[in-house]
Amino acid sequence: MATRITIDPITRIEGHLRIDVEVENGKVNKAWSSGQMWRGVEQILLGRDPRDAWAITQRICGVCTTVHAITSVRAVENALQLEVPLNAQYIRNMIMTAHGIHDHIVHFYHLSALDWVDVVSALKADPVKTAQLAESLSDWENNGRHVFIDVHERLKGFVGTGQLGPFTNGYWGHPAMKLSPDVNLLAVAHYLQALEVQRYANKIVSTLGSKTPHIQNLAVGGVSNPIATDSQSVLTVERLMLIKEMIDKLGAFIRNCYLVDVSAVGAFYADWTGHGQGITDYLAVPDVPMDSAGTKFMMPGGYIKGGDLASYHPIKTFGDPYFRDGVAESVKHSWYNYSNGGALHPWKGETTPHYTDFQDDGKYSWVKAPTFYGKPAQVGPLAQVLCGAAAGHQPTLTYLNKVVDTVSTLAGTRIPLTALHSTIGRHAARAVRCAVLYECLQANWQALMENIAKGDVKTFNKPVFPKGEVMGVGFHEAPRGVLSHWAVIKDGKIANYQAVVPTTWNAAPRNEEDSVGPYEAALLGTPIADPERPLEVLRTVHSFDPCLACAVHLTDLEHKTVVQVKAL
């Protein structure tokens, strides 16, 4: 007999996501991913000046702020065929790589680690043995025994008072938890240390972008940061040297903690390389442009079909026709109506809400269903890493090999590259991509310093809007994957605007052909040890790092479920 489980909302994410699964014989055999919100930002933009779009679109989310801002200005610049000065590219690149590093560190340690780490079990750990283990894995300066003794005492204080703070409501003692007490204590210590480290990335974003969240320095045509060596009120060498100090601190944590911790979790949960595969058509876009026109990138992008790296088809430039012509969105199972049937290209996209209640075989989500040349695609760090490996991107290969070698050593068996097509593989890929972003951040800091040294301080090219209609697409490899904004501009005003975001790709409901989306596909076959505590569902969903911007939360009062779950 099948059991229906509804988790609403999925927590430790941004926004309101509902997941329904049907469990039979201890495994998921059906799944529904439902975005439980609608904001309508695309309609707010209609008729507005395109130069204002970036400031509005970054309010789509309180987490993914810089990514929408950068993608929006790229869309308008693409429509105008407008280049931006090199300094502007470098500053933008530093903002988005620092933001990505922040996002990945927070995701692993603070949003998903509690799916794998049994915090209460850490009370049974021996802090001295934990320190010996930690020091055998890396030379991180905060792995001394005094650190773990202190964390162990603090944790006892939490539990002793009945106040677990951020660790409240975890699935402690769940049969799917496998880490030893010493490894759990190590993870808790690094969880707390990551709270401090992530601040360095945020400080970089706020120093360059004036504030965070919601940076203030972007403009269509460049950035508003004036550069000078003789004024403290602008971007100076002194401020850039402060940024370099924070870049170095981030690099030390990524190398000595993040990559190591992910590898350790992967080794202990090697069986999870067999769960959560889902869609193996992967889509990524190139990013970190190093020229003014967006034709040379530090990070490659492309499309991989069926997980076969030999099928890799590169996406080479901003506005690349291969990407531009391949994207469409269906609303067959989404709470919207199109004036005509079938999927629509984003430049012709419509955003007309039509709520019908949750229908298993009909409409059940506020998320549209994007396709790439008619097929659903998985986006995110795993797609980026696989495309990087297929393209022979050396930084990606270096860090990927490091993680695979470490996991293999700890697990006592060689882990194949195909293991990345999994729940745990997405975490490994995110750590690899975080390390690559660190390399890019460092390189762009150096490039900016060298360009300033040449006497170039230009940061802005003035846009000119023509009469008539122009169209542009901006894309960005955001922390959660491919983000694209599609702008139609008529006589200097926005005539249509669509944002196709990473979680639209991954959290998509069934599409025009009734094919399931990546979340839904990844959940199929997942073993469920305890239907009352479906930790396994959370593990796979969290591995995508869902981000559904929050505003309107719609509650289905009529749908009946066998099990209702309130999750951490």
Protein backbone atom coordinates (compact mmCIF):
# COMPACT_ATOMS: atom_id res chain seq x y z
CA MET A 1 0.00 0.00 0.00
CA ALA A 2 1.33 3.42 -0.98
CA THR A 3 1.85 6.17 1.60
CA ARG A 4 1.61 9.82 0.66
CA ILE A 5 4.08 12.16 2.40
CA THR A 6 3.80 15.94 2.14
CA ILE A 7 6.59 18.20 3.40
CA ASP A 8 5.32 21.77 3.34
CA PRO A 9 7.29 23.90 3.56
CA ILE A 10 10.75 22.51 2.92
CA THR A 11 12.87 24.57 5.31
CA ARG A 12 16.53 25.64 5.38
CA ILE A 13 15.96 27.06 1.88
CA GLU A 14 14.91 30.44 0.50
CA GLY A 15 11.20 30.61 -0.23
CA HIS A 16 8.26 28.21 0.00
CA LEU A 17 8.67 24.79 -1.56
CA ARG A 18 6.33 21.87 -1.09
CA ILE A 19 7.38 18.31 -1.88
CA ASP A 20 4.92 15.44 -2.17
CA VAL A 21 6.12 11.86 -2.53
CA GLU A 22 4.32 8.56 -2.76
CA VAL A 23 6.18 5.75 -1.00
CA GLU A 24 5.64 2.10 -1.80
CA ASN A 25 7.74 -0.83 -0.52
CA GLY A 26 10.01 1.60 1.29
CA LYS A 27 10.92 3.67 -1.80
CA VAL A 28 9.61 6.77 -3.56
CA ASN A 29 7.72 5.86 -6.72
CA LYS A 30 6.07 9.22 -7.48
CA ALA A 31 7.06 12.81 -6.67
CA TRP A 32 5.67 16.31 -7.09
CA SER A 33 7.64 19.54 -6.66
CA SER A 34 5.44 22.56 -6.00
CA GLY A 35 6.55 26.19 -5.69
CA GLN A 36 4.09 27.76 -3.26
CA MET A 37 4.42 31.42 -4.18
CA TRP A 38 3.90 34.00 -6.87
CA ARG A 39 5.39 37.50 -6.94
CA GLY A 40 4.83 38.80 -10.45
CA VAL A 41 8.05 40.86 -10.71
CA GLU A 42 8.04 40.47 -14.48
CA GLN A 43 4.78 42.42 -14.65
CA ILE A 44 6.13 45.14 -12.36
CA LEU A 45 8.84 45.81 -14.96
CA LEU A 46 6.54 46.39 -17.92
CA GLY A 47 6.79 49.94 -19.27
CA ARG A 48 9.78 50.85 -17.12
CA ASP A 49 13.19 52.21 -18.09
CA PRO A 50 15.50 49.21 -18.78
CA ARG A 51 18.25 50.93 -16.76
CA ASP A 52 16.12 50.44 -13.63
CA ALA A 53 15.43 46.73 -14.16
CA TRP A 54 18.52 45.48 -12.29
CA ALA A 55 17.57 47.34 -9.11
CA ILE A 56 14.07 45.83 -9.20
CA THR A 57 14.92 42.27 -10.24
CA GLN A 58 17.44 41.78 -7.45
CA ARG A 59 14.48 42.17 -5.08
CA ILE A 60 13.15 38.89 -6.46
CA CYS A 61 15.10 37.29 -3.63
CA GLY A 62 16.76 38.31 -0.40
CA VAL A 63 19.56 35.77 -0.92
CA CYS A 64 20.19 35.69 -4.69
CA THR A 65 20.47 39.46 -5.01
CA THR A 66 23.67 40.23 -6.91
CA VAL A 67 22.97 37.46 -9.40
CA HIS A 68 19.74 39.02 -10.65
CA ALA A 69 21.30 42.48 -10.76
CA ILE A 70 24.26 41.30 -12.87
CA THR A 71 22.11 39.17 -15.18
CA SER A 72 19.67 42.04 -15.73
CA VAL A 73 22.31 44.55 -16.83
CA ARG A 74 23.79 41.87 -19.09
CA ALA A 75 20.39 41.37 -20.75
CA VAL A 76 20.02 45.08 -21.52
CA GLU A 77 23.65 45.37 -22.64
CA ASN A 78 23.13 42.39 -24.96
CA ALA A 79 20.07 44.06 -26.49
CA LEU A 80 22.11 47.23 -27.10
CA GLN A 81 25.28 45.33 -28.11
CA LEU A 82 27.01 47.48 -25.50
CA GLU A 83 30.48 46.60 -24.24
CA VAL A 84 31.62 47.42 -20.71
CA PRO A 85 35.07 48.60 -19.57
CA LEU A 86 37.52 46.00 -18.31
CA ASN A 87 37.56 47.48 -14.82
CA ALA A 88 33.79 47.09 -14.65
CA GLN A 89 34.05 43.44 -15.67
CA TYR A 90 36.68 42.76 -13.03
CA ILE A 91 34.67 44.48 -10.28
CA ARG A 92 31.49 42.64 -11.30
CA ASN A 93 33.42 39.37 -11.39
CA MET A 94 34.80 39.93 -7.90
CA ILE A 95 31.32 40.64 -6.56
CA MET A 96 29.73 37.58 -8.12
CA THR A 97 32.56 35.16 -7.25
CA ALA A 98 32.63 36.39 -3.63
CA HIS A 99 28.84 36.04 -3.50
CA GLY A 100 29.09 32.52 -4.91
CA ILE A 101 31.72 31.52 -2.35
CA HIS A 102 29.51 32.88 0.44
CA ASP A 103 26.50 31.02 -0.90
CA HIS A 104 28.30 27.67 -1.19
CA ILE A 105 29.87 27.82 2.28
CA VAL A 106 26.55 28.73 3.87
CA HIS A 107 24.71 26.05 1.91
CA PHE A 108 26.93 23.17 2.92
CA TYR A 109 27.53 24.06 6.54
CA HIS A 110 24.34 25.83 7.56
CA LEU A 111 21.60 24.64 5.21
CA SER A 112 22.39 21.02 4.41
CA ALA A 113 25.05 19.66 6.80
CA LEU A 114 22.39 18.90 9.42
CA ASP A 115 20.95 16.33 7.00
CA TRP A 116 24.16 14.31 7.46
CA VAL A 117 25.54 15.40 10.85
CA ASP A 118 24.01 14.13 14.09
CA VAL A 119 24.74 17.03 16.43
CA VAL A 120 23.59 15.26 19.59
CA SER A 121 25.88 12.32 18.78
CA ALA A 122 28.83 14.72 18.98
CA LEU A 123 28.37 14.74 22.78
CA LYS A 124 29.84 11.22 22.80
CA ALA A 125 32.99 12.36 21.00
CA ASP A 126 36.49 12.51 22.43
CA PRO A 127 37.71 16.06 21.62
CA VAL A 128 41.36 14.94 21.68
CA LYS A 129 40.73 12.15 19.18
CA THR A 130 38.67 14.55 17.08
CA ALA A 131 41.63 16.93 16.98
CA GLN A 132 43.95 14.10 15.91
CA LEU A 133 41.54 13.15 13.14
CA ALA A 134 41.17 16.76 11.98
CA GLU A 135 44.94 17.35 11.96
CA SER A 136 45.43 14.19 9.90
CA LEU A 137 43.09 15.54 7.24
CA SER A 138 44.40 19.11 6.90
CA ASP A 139 46.59 21.77 8.45
CA TRP A 140 43.69 24.14 9.19
CA GLU A 141 44.81 26.45 11.97
CA ASN A 142 41.60 25.99 13.97
CA ASN A 143 41.81 22.21 14.28
CA GLY A 144 43.64 22.18 17.63
CA ARG A 145 42.40 20.14 20.59
CA HIS A 146 41.52 23.30 22.54
CA VAL A 147 39.02 24.20 19.80
CA PHE A 148 37.19 20.87 19.98
CA ILE A 149 37.23 20.84 23.79
CA ASP A 150 35.60 24.28 23.75
CA VAL A 151 32.97 23.27 21.16
CA HIS A 152 32.23 20.08 23.09
CA GLU A 153 31.63 22.08 26.28
CA ARG A 154 29.43 24.62 24.47
CA LEU A 155 27.39 21.82 22.93
CA LYS A 156 26.89 20.21 26.37
CA GLY A 157 25.61 23.57 27.58
CA PHE A 158 23.11 23.73 24.73
CA VAL A 159 21.77 20.26 25.39
CA GLY A 160 21.87 20.62 29.18
CA THR A 161 19.57 23.63 29.11
CA GLY A 162 17.27 22.06 26.54
CA GLN A 163 18.15 24.87 24.15
CA LEU A 164 19.83 23.52 21.00
CA GLY A 165 19.63 26.89 19.27
CA PRO A 166 20.25 26.47 15.51
CA PHE A 167 20.35 22.69 15.97
CA THR A 168 16.79 22.39 17.26
CA ASN A 169 14.40 19.97 15.53
CA GLY A 170 17.09 17.95 13.75
CA TYR A 171 16.57 14.27 13.00
CA TRP A 172 18.96 13.18 15.75
CA GLY A 173 19.33 9.42 16.12
CA HIS A 174 17.75 8.79 12.71
CA PRO A 175 18.82 5.39 11.30
CA ALA A 176 20.15 7.09 8.16
CA MET A 177 22.78 9.01 10.19
CA LYS A 178 26.19 7.31 9.86
CA LEU A 179 28.95 9.66 11.04
CA SER A 180 30.94 8.68 14.13
CA PRO A 181 30.71 10.96 17.19
CA ASP A 182 34.22 12.32 16.52
CA VAL A 183 33.37 13.24 12.92
CA ASN A 184 30.11 14.79 14.10
CA LEU A 185 32.04 16.97 16.56
CA LEU A 186 34.47 17.97 13.81
CA ALA A 187 31.53 18.98 11.61
CA VAL A 188 29.86 20.99 14.39
CA ALA A 189 33.10 22.89 15.05
CA HIS A 190 33.49 23.77 11.38
CA TYR A 191 29.79 24.71 11.22
CA LEU A 192 30.48 27.35 13.86
CA GLN A 193 33.73 28.48 12.24
CA ALA A 194 31.98 28.84 8.88
CA LEU A 195 29.66 31.41 10.44
CA GLU A 196 32.71 33.64 10.88
CA VAL A 197 34.38 32.81 7.55
CA GLN A 198 31.34 33.53 5.40
CA ARG A 199 31.47 37.13 6.64
CA TYR A 200 34.67 37.73 4.67
CA ALA A 201 32.89 37.00 1.40
CA ASN A 202 30.03 39.30 2.37
CA LYS A 203 32.48 42.07 3.26
CA ILE A 204 34.01 41.84 -0.22
CA VAL A 205 30.58 42.18 -1.82
CA SER A 206 29.60 45.12 0.40
CA THR A 207 32.96 46.91 -0.07
CA LEU A 208 32.63 46.80 -3.85
CA GLY A 209 28.82 46.97 -4.09
CA SER A 210 28.18 49.59 -1.38
CA LYS A 211 25.94 47.20 0.59
CA THR A 212 24.70 43.66 0.74
CA PRO A 213 22.16 42.27 0.21
CA HIS A 214 21.01 44.35 -2.77
CA ILE A 215 24.18 45.93 -4.13
CA GLN A 216 24.01 49.54 -5.31
CA ASN A 217 26.94 49.92 -7.72
CA LEU A 218 25.70 48.41 -10.98
CA ALA A 219 24.70 50.32 -14.09
CA VAL A 220 23.86 49.34 -17.65
CA GLY A 221 27.25 49.97 -19.24
CA GLY A 222 29.45 49.16 -16.24
CA VAL A 223 29.63 50.02 -12.56
CA SER A 224 29.40 53.24 -10.58
CA ASN A 225 32.65 52.64 -8.66
CA PRO A 226 35.05 55.54 -9.33
CA ILE A 227 38.68 54.46 -9.08
CA ALA A 228 41.42 56.72 -7.76
CA THR A 229 44.67 56.45 -5.82
CA ASP A 230 44.44 59.83 -4.10
CA SER A 231 40.96 59.85 -2.51
CA GLN A 232 39.51 57.87 0.39
CA SER A 233 35.93 58.36 -0.83
CA VAL A 234 36.29 56.04 -3.84
CA LEU A 235 37.71 52.58 -4.65
CA THR A 236 41.36 52.84 -3.63
CA VAL A 237 44.36 50.54 -3.56
CA GLU A 238 44.05 50.51 0.23
CA ARG A 239 40.52 49.09 0.01
CA LEU A 240 41.64 46.57 -2.59
CA MET A 241 44.45 45.39 -0.29
CA LEU A 242 41.86 44.84 2.46
CA ILE A 243 39.87 42.75 -0.02
CA LYS A 244 42.98 40.69 -0.83
CA GLU A 245 43.40 39.87 2.86
CA MET A 246 39.83 38.55 2.98
CA ILE A 247 40.33 36.57 -0.26
CA ASP A 248 43.29 34.78 1.32
CA LYS A 249 41.24 33.88 4.41
CA LEU A 250 38.46 32.44 2.26
CA GLY A 251 40.97 30.39 0.28
CA ALA A 252 42.47 28.89 3.43
CA PHE A 253 39.04 27.77 4.69
CA ILE A 254 37.96 26.36 1.31
CA ARG A 255 41.16 24.32 0.88
CA ASN A 256 41.54 23.10 4.47
CA CYS A 257 37.93 22.73 5.62
CA TYR A 258 35.26 22.81 2.94
CA LEU A 259 36.91 20.45 0.42
CA VAL A 260 38.02 18.12 3.22
CA ASP A 261 34.69 18.07 5.08
CA VAL A 262 32.70 17.36 1.92
CA SER A 263 35.12 14.55 1.08
CA ALA A 264 34.73 13.06 4.57
CA VAL A 265 30.93 13.15 4.37
CA GLY A 266 31.10 11.63 0.89
CA ALA A 267 33.27 8.77 2.14
CA PHE A 268 31.00 7.96 5.11
CA TYR A 269 27.90 8.17 2.91
CA ALA A 270 29.31 6.50 -0.20
CA ASP A 271 26.03 4.60 -0.57
CA TRP A 272 24.38 7.92 -1.38
CA THR A 273 26.25 8.01 -4.67
CA GLY A 274 23.54 5.55 -5.68
CA HIS A 275 20.65 7.88 -4.86
CA GLY A 276 19.35 11.12 -6.33
CA GLN A 277 20.64 10.88 -9.90
CA GLY A 278 17.54 12.13 -11.70
CA ILE A 279 17.96 14.14 -14.89
CA THR A 280 21.43 13.69 -16.43
CA ASP A 281 21.06 16.26 -19.19
CA TYR A 282 23.16 19.14 -17.80
CA LEU A 283 23.14 22.80 -18.77
CA ALA A 284 25.68 25.46 -17.72
CA VAL A 285 26.72 28.81 -19.15
CA PRO A 286 30.20 30.36 -19.35
CA ASP A 287 30.99 33.06 -16.82
CA VAL A 288 33.62 35.39 -15.37
CA PRO A 289 34.13 37.36 -18.61
CA MET A 290 37.66 38.69 -19.02
CA ASP A 291 37.10 40.98 -22.01
CA SER A 292 34.78 43.91 -22.61
CA ALA A 293 32.51 42.07 -25.08
CA GLY A 294 31.82 38.84 -23.19
CA THR A 295 33.63 36.46 -25.55
CA LYS A 296 36.44 35.22 -23.27
CA PHE A 297 35.57 33.52 -19.99
CA MET A 298 37.42 31.97 -17.06
CA MET A 299 34.68 29.35 -16.56
CA PRO A 300 33.31 27.33 -19.51
CA GLY A 301 29.68 26.40 -20.11
CA GLY A 302 27.69 24.13 -22.37
CA TYR A 303 25.24 21.24 -22.59
CA ILE A 304 25.83 17.57 -21.78
CA LYS A 305 23.30 14.94 -22.82
CA GLY A 306 22.66 11.81 -20.80
CA GLY A 307 25.66 12.36 -18.54
CA ASP A 308 28.04 11.60 -21.42
CA LEU A 309 30.93 14.09 -21.29
CA ALA A 310 31.74 13.28 -24.93
CA SER A 311 28.40 14.87 -25.91
CA TYR A 312 29.50 18.26 -24.51
CA HIS A 313 28.37 21.17 -26.72
CA PRO A 314 29.99 24.46 -25.65
CA ILE A 315 28.20 27.77 -25.14
CA LYS A 316 30.84 30.31 -26.08
CA THR A 317 29.67 33.93 -25.82
CA PHE A 318 27.04 36.24 -24.37
CA GLY A 319 24.06 35.93 -26.70
CA ASP A 320 25.27 32.59 -28.08
CA PRO A 321 22.54 31.43 -30.53
CA TYR A 322 22.79 27.85 -29.28
CA PHE A 323 21.64 28.92 -25.82
CA ARG A 324 19.40 31.76 -27.01
CA ASP A 325 17.32 29.57 -29.32
CA GLY A 326 17.06 26.50 -27.08
CA VAL A 327 15.13 27.77 -24.06
CA ALA A 328 11.34 27.54 -23.70
CA GLU A 329 8.88 27.34 -20.80
CA SER A 330 5.69 25.30 -20.37
CA VAL A 331 2.80 26.03 -18.00
CA LYS A 332 0.78 22.87 -18.62
CA HIS A 333 1.25 21.90 -14.95
CA SER A 334 1.85 25.41 -13.57
CA TRP A 335 -0.61 27.93 -12.15
CA TYR A 336 -0.50 30.20 -15.20
CA ASN A 337 -2.32 30.47 -18.51
CA TYR A 338 -0.84 31.12 -21.96
CA SER A 339 -3.00 32.76 -24.61
CA ASN A 340 -2.08 29.90 -26.94
CA GLY A 341 -1.10 26.32 -26.16
CA GLY A 342 2.41 24.88 -26.03
CA ALA A 343 5.69 26.08 -24.59
CA LEU A 344 6.90 29.64 -25.20
CA HIS A 345 10.32 31.13 -25.79
CA PRO A 346 11.06 33.67 -23.00
CA TRP A 347 11.01 36.67 -25.37
CA LYS A 348 7.40 35.69 -26.09
CA GLY A 349 6.75 34.56 -22.54
CA GLU A 350 3.59 35.38 -20.62
CA THR A 351 3.04 35.60 -16.86
CA THR A 352 -0.71 35.34 -16.32
CA PRO A 353 -1.54 33.66 -12.99
CA HIS A 354 -4.32 31.09 -12.87
CA TYR A 355 -4.58 29.19 -9.58
CA THR A 356 -6.55 25.94 -9.68
CA ASP A 357 -5.66 24.21 -6.36
CA PHE A 358 -3.18 21.32 -6.21
CA GLN A 359 -3.96 18.75 -8.92
CA ASP A 360 -1.80 15.62 -9.06
CA ASP A 361 -2.37 15.21 -12.79
CA GLY A 362 -3.06 18.86 -13.59
CA LYS A 363 -1.65 22.17 -12.37
CA TYR A 364 0.23 22.03 -9.06
CA SER A 365 3.00 24.64 -8.92
CA TRP A 366 3.78 28.35 -9.35
CA VAL A 367 7.05 27.28 -10.98
CA LYS A 368 7.08 27.04 -14.78
CA ALA A 369 8.75 24.12 -16.58
CA PRO A 370 11.76 25.19 -18.68
CA THR A 371 13.22 22.95 -21.36
CA PHE A 372 16.37 23.07 -23.49
CA TYR A 373 15.48 22.03 -27.01
CA GLY A 374 12.38 20.32 -25.66
CA LYS A 375 14.01 18.42 -22.77
CA PRO A 376 14.28 19.16 -19.02
CA ALA A 377 17.81 19.88 -17.84
CA GLN A 378 19.59 19.85 -14.48
CA VAL A 379 21.50 23.03 -13.69
CA GLY A 380 23.81 23.95 -10.83
CA PRO A 381 27.35 23.29 -9.63
CA LEU A 382 27.25 19.68 -10.83
CA ALA A 383 26.41 20.84 -14.36
CA GLN A 384 29.15 23.48 -14.18
CA VAL A 385 31.77 21.00 -12.93
CA LEU A 386 30.88 18.36 -15.51
CA CYS A 387 31.01 20.95 -18.30
CA GLY A 388 34.35 22.15 -16.93
CA ALA A 389 35.69 18.59 -16.93
CA ALA A 390 34.41 18.00 -20.47
CA ALA A 391 36.02 21.24 -21.64
CA GLY A 392 39.35 20.35 -20.04
CA HIS A 393 39.16 23.32 -17.66
CA GLN A 394 42.29 22.88 -15.54
CA PRO A 395 41.13 24.48 -12.24
CA THR A 396 37.99 22.33 -12.30
CA LEU A 397 39.98 19.18 -13.03
CA THR A 398 42.52 19.97 -10.30
CA TYR A 399 39.96 20.38 -7.53
CA LEU A 400 37.71 17.59 -8.83
CA ASN A 401 40.62 15.14 -8.77
CA LYS A 402 41.53 16.33 -5.26
CA VAL A 403 38.02 15.62 -3.94
CA VAL A 404 37.71 12.26 -5.72
CA ASP A 405 41.16 11.16 -4.47
CA THR A 406 40.36 12.19 -0.87
CA VAL A 407 36.97 10.46 -0.87
CA SER A 408 38.51 7.33 -2.39
CA THR A 409 41.27 7.25 0.25
CA LEU A 410 38.85 7.73 3.14
CA ALA A 411 36.34 5.23 1.73
CA GLY A 412 39.01 2.62 1.00
CA THR A 413 37.81 2.13 -2.57
CA ARG A 414 38.14 4.06 -5.82
CA ILE A 415 35.14 6.33 -6.43
CA PRO A 416 34.35 6.71 -10.15
CA LEU A 417 33.47 10.01 -11.81
CA THR A 418 29.98 8.65 -12.50
CA ALA A 419 29.33 8.80 -8.74
CA LEU A 420 28.85 12.55 -9.19
CA HIS A 421 25.42 11.82 -10.70
CA SER A 422 23.89 11.65 -7.24
CA THR A 423 22.74 13.47 -4.13
CA ILE A 424 26.20 13.39 -2.52
CA GLY A 425 27.79 14.17 -5.90
CA ARG A 426 26.02 17.53 -6.01
CA HIS A 427 27.64 18.46 -2.69
CA ALA A 428 31.07 17.41 -3.96
CA ALA A 429 30.58 19.44 -7.14
CA ARG A 430 29.53 22.50 -5.15
CA ALA A 431 32.76 22.33 -3.11
CA VAL A 432 34.79 22.01 -6.32
CA ARG A 433 33.02 24.97 -7.85
CA CYS A 434 33.55 27.02 -4.68
CA ALA A 435 37.30 26.38 -4.98
CA VAL A 436 37.22 27.38 -8.66
CA LEU A 437 35.36 30.58 -7.77
CA TYR A 438 38.12 31.36 -5.26
CA GLU A 439 40.70 31.03 -8.06
CA CYS A 440 38.60 33.36 -10.24
CA LEU A 441 38.20 35.89 -7.42
CA GLN A 442 41.93 35.95 -6.85
CA ALA A 443 42.66 36.30 -10.58
CA ASN A 444 40.22 39.18 -11.04
CA TRP A 445 41.69 41.05 -8.07
CA GLN A 446 45.10 40.74 -9.70
CA ALA A 447 43.75 41.78 -13.12
CA LEU A 448 42.08 44.86 -11.63
CA MET A 449 45.24 45.90 -9.80
CA GLU A 450 47.34 45.50 -12.94
CA ASN A 451 44.86 47.44 -15.07
CA ILE A 452 44.78 50.31 -12.58
CA ALA A 453 48.58 50.30 -12.58
CA LYS A 454 48.45 50.95 -16.34
CA GLY A 455 46.49 54.14 -15.65
CA ASP A 456 43.09 52.80 -16.76
CA VAL A 457 40.38 53.95 -14.33
CA LYS A 458 37.36 53.79 -16.65
CA THR A 459 34.32 51.94 -15.26
CA PHE A 460 31.34 53.00 -17.40
CA ASN A 461 30.16 53.26 -21.03
CA LYS A 462 26.99 55.29 -21.56
CA PRO A 463 24.09 53.30 -23.09
CA VAL A 464 22.06 54.66 -26.01
CA PHE A 465 18.57 53.27 -26.64
CA PRO A 466 17.41 53.15 -30.27
CA LYS A 467 13.93 53.71 -31.61
CA GLY A 468 11.97 50.57 -32.33
CA GLU A 469 12.33 47.14 -30.77
CA VAL A 470 15.46 45.34 -29.58
CA MET A 471 15.79 42.11 -27.63
CA GLY A 472 18.51 40.84 -25.35
CA VAL A 473 19.35 37.90 -23.11
CA GLY A 474 21.68 38.04 -20.14
CA PHE A 475 22.94 34.91 -18.46
CA HIS A 476 25.00 34.13 -15.39
CA GLU A 477 26.16 30.91 -13.76
CA ALA A 478 24.64 31.73 -10.37
CA PRO A 479 25.37 29.62 -7.25
CA ARG A 480 22.38 27.39 -8.03
CA GLY A 481 22.97 27.23 -11.79
CA VAL A 482 21.94 28.91 -15.03
CA LEU A 483 20.14 32.21 -14.52
CA SER A 484 18.88 34.07 -17.58
CA HIS A 485 16.93 37.30 -18.02
CA TRP A 486 15.17 38.01 -21.31
CA ALA A 487 14.31 41.62 -22.17
CA VAL A 488 12.25 43.04 -25.01
CA ILE A 489 12.77 46.81 -25.24
CA LYS A 490 10.58 49.01 -27.41
CA ASP A 491 11.31 52.73 -27.85
CA GLY A 492 13.45 52.72 -24.72
CA LYS A 493 10.88 51.00 -22.47
CA ILE A 494 10.50 47.39 -21.34
CA ALA A 495 7.84 45.66 -23.45
CA ASN A 496 8.39 42.15 -22.05
CA TYR A 497 10.66 40.68 -19.39
CA GLN A 498 11.12 37.09 -18.25
CA ALA A 499 13.50 35.62 -15.68
CA VAL A 500 14.29 31.91 -16.03
CA VAL A 501 16.05 31.10 -12.77
CA PRO A 502 18.05 28.02 -11.65
CA THR A 503 15.31 26.77 -9.36
CA THR A 504 12.84 27.14 -12.21
CA TRP A 505 14.92 24.57 -14.08
CA ASN A 506 15.44 22.22 -11.13
CA ALA A 507 12.15 22.59 -9.22
CA ALA A 508 10.06 22.45 -12.39
CA PRO A 509 6.82 20.48 -12.42
CA ARG A 510 6.05 18.15 -15.30
CA ASN A 511 6.46 19.85 -18.68
CA GLU A 512 4.46 19.93 -21.91
CA GLU A 513 5.34 16.28 -22.56
CA ASP A 514 4.55 15.34 -18.92
CA SER A 515 8.25 14.64 -18.25
CA VAL A 516 9.18 15.12 -14.60
CA GLY A 517 11.53 17.90 -13.50
CA PRO A 518 14.97 17.40 -11.88
CA TYR A 519 13.78 17.44 -8.23
CA GLU A 520 11.01 14.99 -9.02
CA ALA A 521 13.27 12.69 -11.05
CA ALA A 522 16.00 12.73 -8.38
CA LEU A 523 13.57 11.61 -5.67
CA LEU A 524 12.34 8.54 -7.56
CA GLY A 525 13.70 5.37 -6.00
CA THR A 526 14.87 7.10 -2.82
CA PRO A 527 14.66 4.73 0.19
CA ILE A 528 12.60 6.01 3.12
CA ALA A 529 13.46 4.42 6.48
CA ASP A 530 10.79 6.24 8.50
CA PRO A 531 7.80 7.91 6.75
CA GLU A 532 7.23 10.04 9.85
CA ARG A 533 10.78 11.44 9.52
CA PRO A 534 11.58 11.50 5.78
CA LEU A 535 15.17 12.72 6.15
CA GLU A 536 16.13 11.08 2.87
CA VAL A 537 13.77 13.34 0.91
CA LEU A 538 15.32 16.42 2.50
CA ARG A 539 18.83 15.23 1.69
CA THR A 540 18.16 15.03 -2.02
CA VAL A 541 16.11 18.22 -2.26
CA HIS A 542 18.61 20.20 -0.18
CA SER A 543 21.46 18.98 -2.40
CA PHE A 544 20.08 21.26 -5.14
CA ASP A 545 20.07 24.25 -2.74
CA PRO A 546 16.48 25.34 -3.54
CA CYS A 547 15.79 29.06 -3.76
CA LEU A 548 12.16 30.07 -4.26
CA ALA A 549 11.79 33.76 -3.53
CA CYS A 550 9.26 34.28 -0.76
CA ALA A 551 6.20 36.52 -0.85
CA VAL A 552 2.78 34.89 -1.28
CA HIS A 553 2.39 31.60 0.53
CA LEU A 554 -0.64 29.71 -0.69
CA THR A 555 -1.98 26.96 1.54
CA ASP A 556 -3.93 23.98 0.19
CA LEU A 557 -6.65 23.38 2.80
CA GLU A 558 -8.49 20.63 0.93
CA HIS A 559 -5.73 18.23 -0.09
CA LYS A 560 -5.65 15.19 2.20
CA THR A 561 -2.40 13.47 3.15
CA VAL A 562 -1.59 10.38 5.13
CA VAL A 563 1.50 11.93 6.74
CA GLN A 564 2.19 15.61 7.34
CA VAL A 565 5.73 16.58 8.30
CA LYS A 566 7.19 19.69 9.87
CA ALA A 567 10.86 19.65 8.90
CA LEU A 568 13.85 21.61 10.19
